[in-house]
C-alpha cells in the first residue's frame, strides 16, 4: 500500500505543471572512444518564442551543476570544451565535445525554462521541469567511454 502511495506521488510530480513543454534527449548509455567527437541530442517543445535551454553535468558522487545555458541571444554557448547550438527551427539544443576524455564520463541533463533570474548568488533559472522529471531524466543521457579507454586509464 505504501509503495502505491509513492508511485502515485511520483506520477503526480511528473504530470503536474509541465504546461505542454517537454525535452527529449539521447537515451541510455553512450559509448565514445577517447579523443572522438561526442554528441548528445536534445530536442524540445514549447510555446515560448524565446526559451532558455540548459545542459547540466553530474559527475559520480557529485550534485548536478550547470554546464551551458543557451538562448536566442546566445545560441552557441561554450564551456569547458563543450558547445551546444540552439536551433529554433529544429527545436534542438545538441551538446558536443570534439575530443572527449575519460574525465567526461558523467550523466548529462538537458532542461528547458521560460524564465531566467539575473543577479549574483541567486538561482540560475526557474525550470518548468518538475522533480519527478529530474528523477526520470537521471535514467537518460549517460555518457560512458569505451572499455578500451577505461582499461587504458584504470588498468582493468
N, C-alpha and C. Protein backbone atom coordinates (compact mmCIF):
# COMPACT_ATOMS: atom_id res chain seq x y z
N UNK A 1 0.82 -1.19 0.00
CA UNK A 1 0.00 0.00 0.00
C UNK A 1 0.87 1.26 0.00
N UNK A 2 1.94 1.24 0.79
CA UNK A 2 2.82 2.38 0.85
C UNK A 2 3.51 2.62 -0.49
N UNK A 3 3.91 1.53 -1.17
CA UNK A 3 4.56 1.70 -2.48
C UNK A 3 3.59 2.28 -3.50
N UNK A 4 2.31 1.94 -3.41
CA UNK A 4 1.31 2.52 -4.31
C UNK A 4 1.19 4.02 -4.07
N UNK A 5 1.32 4.45 -2.83
CA UNK A 5 1.28 5.87 -2.49
C UNK A 5 2.47 6.60 -3.11
N UNK A 6 3.66 6.00 -2.98
CA UNK A 6 4.86 6.60 -3.58
C UNK A 6 4.73 6.67 -5.10
N UNK A 7 4.23 5.62 -5.72
CA UNK A 7 4.04 5.61 -7.16
C UNK A 7 3.07 6.71 -7.58
N UNK A 8 1.99 6.87 -6.83
CA UNK A 8 1.03 7.92 -7.13
C UNK A 8 1.64 9.30 -6.99
N UNK A 9 2.48 9.50 -5.97
CA UNK A 9 3.14 10.78 -5.76
C UNK A 9 4.12 11.09 -6.89
N UNK A 10 4.91 10.12 -7.30
CA UNK A 10 5.85 10.32 -8.41
C UNK A 10 5.10 10.63 -9.69
N UNK A 11 4.01 9.92 -9.95
CA UNK A 11 3.20 10.18 -11.14
C UNK A 11 2.64 11.59 -11.10
N UNK A 12 2.18 12.03 -9.95
CA UNK A 12 1.66 13.39 -9.80
C UNK A 12 2.73 14.42 -10.09
N UNK A 13 3.94 14.20 -9.56
CA UNK A 13 5.04 15.13 -9.81
C UNK A 13 5.40 15.20 -11.29
N UNK A 14 5.34 14.07 -11.97
CA UNK A 14 5.68 14.04 -13.38
C UNK A 14 4.62 14.75 -14.21
N UNK A 15 3.36 14.53 -13.90
CA UNK A 15 2.28 15.06 -14.71
C UNK A 15 1.93 16.51 -14.40
N UNK A 16 2.22 16.98 -13.19
CA UNK A 16 1.80 18.31 -12.77
C UNK A 16 2.71 19.40 -13.30
N UNK A 17 2.14 20.44 -13.83
CA UNK A 17 2.87 21.66 -14.09
C UNK A 17 3.79 21.68 -15.28
N UNK A 18 3.69 20.79 -16.21
CA UNK A 18 4.61 20.81 -17.33
C UNK A 18 4.14 21.75 -18.43
N UNK A 19 2.87 22.19 -18.41
CA UNK A 19 2.35 23.18 -19.33
C UNK A 19 2.59 22.85 -20.80
N UNK A 20 2.68 21.57 -21.15
CA UNK A 20 2.89 21.19 -22.53
C UNK A 20 4.32 21.29 -22.99
N UNK A 21 5.21 21.80 -22.17
CA UNK A 21 6.63 21.87 -22.52
C UNK A 21 7.26 20.51 -22.29
N UNK A 22 8.22 20.17 -23.15
CA UNK A 22 8.91 18.90 -22.97
C UNK A 22 10.32 18.97 -23.54
N UNK A 23 11.16 18.08 -23.05
CA UNK A 23 12.53 17.94 -23.51
C UNK A 23 12.78 16.46 -23.74
N UNK A 24 13.37 16.12 -24.87
CA UNK A 24 13.78 14.75 -25.15
C UNK A 24 15.27 14.77 -25.46
N UNK A 25 16.00 13.84 -24.85
CA UNK A 25 17.43 13.81 -25.09
C UNK A 25 17.89 12.38 -25.37
N UNK A 26 19.15 12.25 -25.79
CA UNK A 26 19.74 10.95 -26.07
C UNK A 26 19.47 10.02 -24.90
N UNK A 27 18.98 8.82 -25.20
CA UNK A 27 18.63 7.87 -24.15
C UNK A 27 19.74 6.88 -23.88
N UNK A 28 19.83 6.46 -22.62
CA UNK A 28 20.72 5.36 -22.25
C UNK A 28 22.19 5.71 -22.34
N UNK A 29 23.02 4.70 -22.10
CA UNK A 29 24.47 4.91 -22.15
C UNK A 29 24.96 5.21 -23.56
N UNK A 30 25.88 6.14 -23.66
CA UNK A 30 26.53 6.47 -24.92
C UNK A 30 28.00 6.12 -24.75
N UNK A 31 28.51 5.28 -25.62
CA UNK A 31 29.91 4.86 -25.55
C UNK A 31 30.69 5.59 -26.62
N UNK A 32 31.76 6.26 -26.19
CA UNK A 32 32.58 7.07 -27.11
C UNK A 32 34.04 6.76 -26.80
N UNK A 33 34.84 6.57 -27.83
CA UNK A 33 36.28 6.36 -27.63
C UNK A 33 36.95 7.68 -27.29
N UNK A 34 37.99 7.60 -26.47
CA UNK A 34 38.72 8.81 -26.08
C UNK A 34 39.25 9.50 -27.32
N UNK A 35 39.10 10.82 -27.35
CA UNK A 35 39.57 11.63 -28.47
C UNK A 35 38.54 11.80 -29.56
N UNK A 36 37.43 11.07 -29.49
CA UNK A 36 36.39 11.14 -30.53
C UNK A 36 35.40 12.27 -30.24
N UNK A 37 34.63 12.61 -31.27
CA UNK A 37 33.55 13.59 -31.14
C UNK A 37 32.39 12.95 -30.38
N UNK A 38 31.86 13.67 -29.41
CA UNK A 38 30.70 13.21 -28.66
C UNK A 38 29.56 14.17 -28.93
N UNK A 39 28.38 13.63 -29.26
CA UNK A 39 27.18 14.43 -29.44
C UNK A 39 26.06 13.83 -28.62
N UNK A 40 25.42 14.64 -27.80
CA UNK A 40 24.21 14.24 -27.08
C UNK A 40 23.08 15.12 -27.62
N UNK A 41 22.04 14.47 -28.12
CA UNK A 41 20.93 15.20 -28.73
C UNK A 41 19.92 15.67 -27.69
N UNK A 42 19.37 16.83 -27.94
CA UNK A 42 18.30 17.37 -27.10
C UNK A 42 17.33 18.12 -28.02
N UNK A 43 16.08 17.69 -28.00
CA UNK A 43 15.03 18.41 -28.72
C UNK A 43 13.99 18.84 -27.69
N UNK A 44 13.25 19.89 -28.02
CA UNK A 44 12.30 20.43 -27.05
C UNK A 44 11.02 20.86 -27.74
N UNK A 45 9.98 20.99 -26.95
CA UNK A 45 8.69 21.53 -27.39
C UNK A 45 8.27 22.58 -26.39
N UNK A 46 7.91 23.76 -26.88
CA UNK A 46 7.40 24.82 -26.02
C UNK A 46 6.68 25.84 -26.89
N UNK A 47 5.74 26.53 -26.29
CA UNK A 47 5.05 27.61 -26.99
C UNK A 47 5.83 28.92 -26.84
N UNK A 48 6.81 28.94 -25.95
CA UNK A 48 7.61 30.14 -25.71
C UNK A 48 8.44 30.46 -26.95
N UNK A 49 8.33 31.67 -27.50
CA UNK A 49 9.10 32.02 -28.70
C UNK A 49 10.59 32.26 -28.42
N UNK A 50 10.95 32.44 -27.16
CA UNK A 50 12.36 32.69 -26.80
C UNK A 50 12.74 31.90 -25.56
N UNK A 51 12.81 30.58 -25.68
CA UNK A 51 13.10 29.75 -24.50
C UNK A 51 14.58 29.80 -24.10
N UNK A 52 14.85 29.37 -22.89
CA UNK A 52 16.20 29.16 -22.41
C UNK A 52 16.39 27.66 -22.29
N UNK A 53 17.52 27.16 -22.78
CA UNK A 53 17.86 25.74 -22.68
C UNK A 53 19.13 25.60 -21.87
N UNK A 54 19.24 24.50 -21.15
CA UNK A 54 20.36 24.26 -20.25
C UNK A 54 20.89 22.85 -20.43
N UNK A 55 22.19 22.69 -20.30
CA UNK A 55 22.81 21.38 -20.14
C UNK A 55 23.46 21.36 -18.77
N UNK A 56 23.12 20.32 -18.00
CA UNK A 56 23.74 20.10 -16.70
C UNK A 56 24.61 18.86 -16.79
N UNK A 57 25.65 18.83 -15.95
CA UNK A 57 26.53 17.67 -15.86
C UNK A 57 26.51 17.19 -14.41
N UNK A 58 26.45 15.86 -14.25
CA UNK A 58 26.53 15.28 -12.92
C UNK A 58 27.59 14.20 -12.92
N UNK A 59 28.71 14.50 -12.28
CA UNK A 59 29.79 13.54 -12.17
C UNK A 59 29.51 12.59 -11.00
N UNK A 60 30.17 11.46 -10.99
CA UNK A 60 29.97 10.44 -9.98
C UNK A 60 30.09 11.03 -8.57
N UNK A 61 29.08 10.77 -7.74
CA UNK A 61 29.04 11.22 -6.35
C UNK A 61 29.05 12.74 -6.18
N UNK A 62 28.63 13.47 -7.21
CA UNK A 62 28.54 14.92 -7.14
C UNK A 62 27.13 15.38 -7.48
N UNK A 63 26.78 16.57 -7.07
CA UNK A 63 25.48 17.15 -7.42
C UNK A 63 25.52 17.64 -8.87
N UNK A 64 24.37 17.66 -9.54
CA UNK A 64 24.35 18.24 -10.89
C UNK A 64 24.75 19.71 -10.84
N UNK A 65 25.44 20.17 -11.88
CA UNK A 65 25.80 21.59 -11.96
C UNK A 65 25.61 22.06 -13.39
N UNK A 66 25.35 23.35 -13.52
CA UNK A 66 25.11 23.94 -14.82
C UNK A 66 26.38 23.88 -15.66
N UNK A 67 26.26 23.37 -16.88
CA UNK A 67 27.38 23.33 -17.82
C UNK A 67 27.24 24.44 -18.86
N UNK A 68 26.05 24.53 -19.49
CA UNK A 68 25.80 25.52 -20.54
C UNK A 68 24.38 26.06 -20.45
N UNK A 69 24.22 27.32 -20.84
CA UNK A 69 22.89 27.93 -20.93
C UNK A 69 22.78 28.59 -22.29
N UNK A 70 21.76 28.24 -23.07
CA UNK A 70 21.56 28.83 -24.38
C UNK A 70 20.25 29.58 -24.46
N UNK A 71 20.24 30.61 -25.31
CA UNK A 71 19.03 31.41 -25.53
C UNK A 71 19.11 31.98 -26.93
N UNK A 72 18.07 32.67 -27.36
CA UNK A 72 18.09 33.27 -28.68
C UNK A 72 19.19 34.34 -28.78
N UNK A 73 19.52 34.98 -27.66
CA UNK A 73 20.58 35.98 -27.68
C UNK A 73 21.98 35.35 -27.57
N UNK A 74 22.06 34.10 -27.14
CA UNK A 74 23.33 33.37 -27.05
C UNK A 74 23.09 31.93 -27.50
N UNK A 75 22.92 31.71 -28.82
CA UNK A 75 22.53 30.38 -29.31
C UNK A 75 23.66 29.36 -29.39
N UNK A 76 24.92 29.77 -29.17
CA UNK A 76 26.05 28.84 -29.26
C UNK A 76 26.97 28.97 -28.05
N UNK A 77 26.47 28.65 -26.86
CA UNK A 77 27.32 28.77 -25.67
C UNK A 77 28.42 27.71 -25.66
N UNK A 78 29.56 28.07 -25.03
CA UNK A 78 30.69 27.16 -24.88
C UNK A 78 31.14 27.19 -23.43
N UNK A 79 31.61 26.03 -22.95
CA UNK A 79 32.14 25.94 -21.60
C UNK A 79 32.92 24.64 -21.45
N UNK A 80 34.11 24.73 -20.91
CA UNK A 80 34.92 23.55 -20.58
C UNK A 80 35.13 22.62 -21.78
N UNK A 81 35.22 23.16 -22.97
CA UNK A 81 35.41 22.34 -24.17
C UNK A 81 34.12 21.82 -24.77
N UNK A 82 32.99 22.05 -24.11
CA UNK A 82 31.68 21.65 -24.62
C UNK A 82 31.06 22.83 -25.36
N UNK A 83 30.21 22.51 -26.33
CA UNK A 83 29.46 23.53 -27.05
C UNK A 83 28.08 22.97 -27.35
N UNK A 84 27.08 23.82 -27.29
CA UNK A 84 25.73 23.45 -27.69
C UNK A 84 25.23 24.51 -28.66
N UNK A 85 24.36 24.09 -29.56
CA UNK A 85 23.82 25.03 -30.55
C UNK A 85 22.31 24.99 -30.48
N UNK A 86 21.71 26.13 -30.18
CA UNK A 86 20.26 26.27 -30.13
C UNK A 86 19.76 26.59 -31.53
N UNK A 87 19.02 25.66 -32.12
CA UNK A 87 18.45 25.84 -33.46
C UNK A 87 16.94 25.88 -33.30
N UNK A 88 16.37 27.08 -33.36
CA UNK A 88 14.95 27.25 -33.09
C UNK A 88 14.09 26.53 -34.14
N UNK A 89 14.51 26.53 -35.41
CA UNK A 89 13.71 25.89 -36.46
C UNK A 89 13.62 24.38 -36.26
N UNK A 90 14.67 23.76 -35.69
CA UNK A 90 14.67 22.32 -35.40
C UNK A 90 14.22 22.03 -33.98
N UNK A 91 14.09 23.08 -33.18
CA UNK A 91 13.80 22.93 -31.75
C UNK A 91 14.81 21.98 -31.11
N UNK A 92 16.09 22.29 -31.36
CA UNK A 92 17.14 21.42 -30.84
C UNK A 92 18.20 22.23 -30.10
N UNK A 93 18.90 21.55 -29.19
CA UNK A 93 19.99 22.12 -28.41
C UNK A 93 20.98 21.00 -28.12
N UNK A 94 21.66 20.52 -29.18
CA UNK A 94 22.56 19.38 -29.07
C UNK A 94 23.88 19.79 -28.43
N UNK A 95 24.37 18.93 -27.56
CA UNK A 95 25.64 19.15 -26.85
C UNK A 95 26.75 18.40 -27.57
N UNK A 96 27.89 19.05 -27.76
CA UNK A 96 29.03 18.40 -28.42
C UNK A 96 30.32 18.70 -27.68
N UNK A 97 31.24 17.76 -27.80
CA UNK A 97 32.62 17.97 -27.38
C UNK A 97 33.50 17.27 -28.40
N UNK A 98 34.48 17.98 -28.91
CA UNK A 98 35.29 17.46 -30.01
C UNK A 98 36.15 16.27 -29.62
N UNK A 99 36.80 16.30 -28.51
CA UNK A 99 37.70 15.21 -28.12
C UNK A 99 37.44 14.85 -26.66
N UNK A 100 36.56 13.88 -26.43
CA UNK A 100 36.20 13.52 -25.06
C UNK A 100 37.36 12.80 -24.37
N UNK A 101 37.36 12.93 -23.06
CA UNK A 101 38.36 12.29 -22.22
C UNK A 101 37.64 11.42 -21.20
N UNK A 102 38.37 10.54 -20.54
CA UNK A 102 37.77 9.69 -19.51
C UNK A 102 37.10 10.53 -18.43
N UNK A 103 37.65 11.70 -18.15
CA UNK A 103 37.10 12.59 -17.12
C UNK A 103 35.73 13.17 -17.51
N UNK A 104 35.31 13.00 -18.77
CA UNK A 104 34.00 13.48 -19.21
C UNK A 104 32.88 12.49 -18.92
N UNK A 105 33.21 11.31 -18.40
CA UNK A 105 32.18 10.33 -18.05
C UNK A 105 31.29 10.92 -16.97
N UNK A 106 30.00 11.02 -17.26
CA UNK A 106 29.06 11.66 -16.33
C UNK A 106 27.64 11.45 -16.84
N UNK A 107 26.68 11.91 -16.07
CA UNK A 107 25.29 11.96 -16.51
C UNK A 107 25.03 13.39 -16.97
N UNK A 108 24.43 13.55 -18.14
CA UNK A 108 24.14 14.85 -18.72
C UNK A 108 22.64 15.04 -18.82
N UNK A 109 22.16 16.22 -18.42
CA UNK A 109 20.74 16.53 -18.44
C UNK A 109 20.49 17.76 -19.32
N UNK A 110 19.48 17.68 -20.15
CA UNK A 110 19.02 18.83 -20.92
C UNK A 110 17.74 19.33 -20.24
N UNK A 111 17.62 20.64 -20.05
CA UNK A 111 16.45 21.21 -19.39
C UNK A 111 15.99 22.45 -20.14
N UNK A 112 14.72 22.78 -19.96
CA UNK A 112 14.06 23.89 -20.64
C UNK A 112 13.43 24.80 -19.61
N UNK A 113 13.52 26.11 -19.83
CA UNK A 113 12.90 27.06 -18.92
C UNK A 113 12.43 28.27 -19.70
N UNK A 114 11.44 28.96 -19.18
CA UNK A 114 10.98 30.18 -19.83
C UNK A 114 11.34 31.42 -19.04
N UNK A 115 12.01 31.26 -17.89
CA UNK A 115 12.41 32.43 -17.12
C UNK A 115 13.83 32.25 -16.62
N UNK A 116 14.59 33.33 -16.58
CA UNK A 116 15.94 33.32 -16.03
C UNK A 116 16.05 34.49 -15.07
N UNK A 117 16.55 34.22 -13.89
CA UNK A 117 16.75 35.25 -12.88
C UNK A 117 18.18 35.74 -12.98
N UNK A 118 18.36 37.03 -13.20
CA UNK A 118 19.70 37.61 -13.26
C UNK A 118 20.11 38.05 -11.87
N UNK A 119 21.39 38.09 -11.61
CA UNK A 119 21.88 38.56 -10.32
C UNK A 119 22.91 37.60 -9.78
N UNK A 120 23.70 38.09 -8.84
CA UNK A 120 24.75 37.24 -8.29
C UNK A 120 24.21 36.44 -7.12
N UNK A 121 24.63 35.21 -7.04
CA UNK A 121 24.28 34.37 -5.92
C UNK A 121 22.88 33.80 -5.97
N UNK A 122 22.04 34.22 -6.92
CA UNK A 122 20.68 33.74 -6.99
C UNK A 122 20.57 32.49 -7.85
N UNK A 123 19.37 32.03 -8.00
CA UNK A 123 19.14 30.86 -8.82
C UNK A 123 19.48 31.19 -10.27
N UNK A 124 20.07 30.24 -10.97
CA UNK A 124 20.42 30.45 -12.37
C UNK A 124 19.18 30.45 -13.24
N UNK A 125 18.20 29.62 -12.91
CA UNK A 125 16.97 29.59 -13.69
C UNK A 125 15.85 29.00 -12.86
N UNK A 126 14.66 29.13 -13.37
CA UNK A 126 13.47 28.58 -12.73
C UNK A 126 12.88 27.59 -13.72
N UNK A 127 13.26 26.31 -13.62
CA UNK A 127 12.84 25.36 -14.65
C UNK A 127 11.39 24.95 -14.52
N UNK A 128 10.77 24.66 -15.67
CA UNK A 128 9.44 24.07 -15.67
C UNK A 128 9.52 22.57 -15.40
N UNK A 129 10.71 22.01 -15.53
CA UNK A 129 10.89 20.58 -15.29
C UNK A 129 10.63 20.30 -13.82
N UNK A 130 9.76 19.36 -13.54
CA UNK A 130 9.41 19.04 -12.17
C UNK A 130 10.38 18.02 -11.58
N UNK A 131 10.38 17.90 -10.25
CA UNK A 131 11.29 16.99 -9.57
C UNK A 131 11.17 15.56 -10.09
N UNK A 132 9.95 15.11 -10.33
CA UNK A 132 9.76 13.75 -10.84
C UNK A 132 10.41 13.57 -12.19
N UNK A 133 10.43 14.63 -13.01
CA UNK A 133 11.09 14.53 -14.31
C UNK A 133 12.60 14.48 -14.16
N UNK A 134 13.14 15.14 -13.12
CA UNK A 134 14.57 15.03 -12.89
C UNK A 134 14.94 13.60 -12.55
N UNK A 135 14.13 12.96 -11.72
CA UNK A 135 14.37 11.57 -11.37
C UNK A 135 14.31 10.70 -12.62
N UNK A 136 13.31 10.94 -13.46
CA UNK A 136 13.16 10.21 -14.72
C UNK A 136 14.34 10.50 -15.64
N UNK A 137 14.77 11.75 -15.68
CA UNK A 137 15.88 12.13 -16.55
C UNK A 137 17.19 11.51 -16.10
N UNK A 138 17.29 11.15 -14.83
CA UNK A 138 18.52 10.54 -14.34
C UNK A 138 18.80 9.20 -15.03
N UNK A 139 17.78 8.61 -15.61
CA UNK A 139 17.94 7.35 -16.31
C UNK A 139 18.34 7.56 -17.76
N UNK A 140 18.49 8.80 -18.17
CA UNK A 140 18.75 9.14 -19.57
C UNK A 140 20.04 9.94 -19.70
N UNK A 141 20.61 9.95 -20.89
CA UNK A 141 21.73 10.83 -21.18
C UNK A 141 23.02 10.52 -20.47
N UNK A 142 23.34 9.27 -20.27
CA UNK A 142 24.56 8.89 -19.58
C UNK A 142 25.66 8.69 -20.62
N UNK A 143 26.83 9.23 -20.36
CA UNK A 143 27.97 9.09 -21.26
C UNK A 143 28.99 8.17 -20.61
N UNK A 144 29.35 7.09 -21.29
CA UNK A 144 30.41 6.20 -20.85
C UNK A 144 31.45 6.11 -21.94
N UNK A 145 32.70 6.06 -21.57
CA UNK A 145 33.73 5.84 -22.56
C UNK A 145 33.86 4.34 -22.80
N UNK A 146 34.44 3.98 -23.92
CA UNK A 146 34.54 2.59 -24.31
C UNK A 146 35.41 1.80 -23.34
N UNK A 147 35.23 0.46 -23.29
CA UNK A 147 36.04 -0.37 -22.39
C UNK A 147 37.54 -0.21 -22.65
N UNK A 148 37.93 -0.02 -23.92
CA UNK A 148 39.36 0.16 -24.23
C UNK A 148 39.89 1.40 -23.53
N UNK A 149 39.11 2.48 -23.56
CA UNK A 149 39.53 3.73 -22.93
C UNK A 149 39.61 3.55 -21.42
N UNK A 150 38.60 2.94 -20.84
CA UNK A 150 38.59 2.75 -19.39
C UNK A 150 39.74 1.85 -18.95
N UNK A 151 40.02 0.78 -19.70
CA UNK A 151 41.09 -0.13 -19.31
C UNK A 151 42.45 0.57 -19.39
N UNK A 152 42.60 1.47 -20.36
CA UNK A 152 43.87 2.20 -20.50
C UNK A 152 44.10 3.11 -19.29
N UNK A 153 43.03 3.72 -18.76
CA UNK A 153 43.16 4.65 -17.66
C UNK A 153 43.11 3.99 -16.30
N UNK A 154 42.45 2.86 -16.20
CA UNK A 154 42.27 2.22 -14.89
C UNK A 154 42.93 0.84 -14.82
N UNK A 155 43.72 0.45 -15.81
CA UNK A 155 44.41 -0.84 -15.88
C UNK A 155 43.53 -2.00 -15.47
N UNK A 156 42.40 -2.17 -16.18
CA UNK A 156 41.46 -3.26 -15.91
C UNK A 156 41.93 -4.53 -16.58
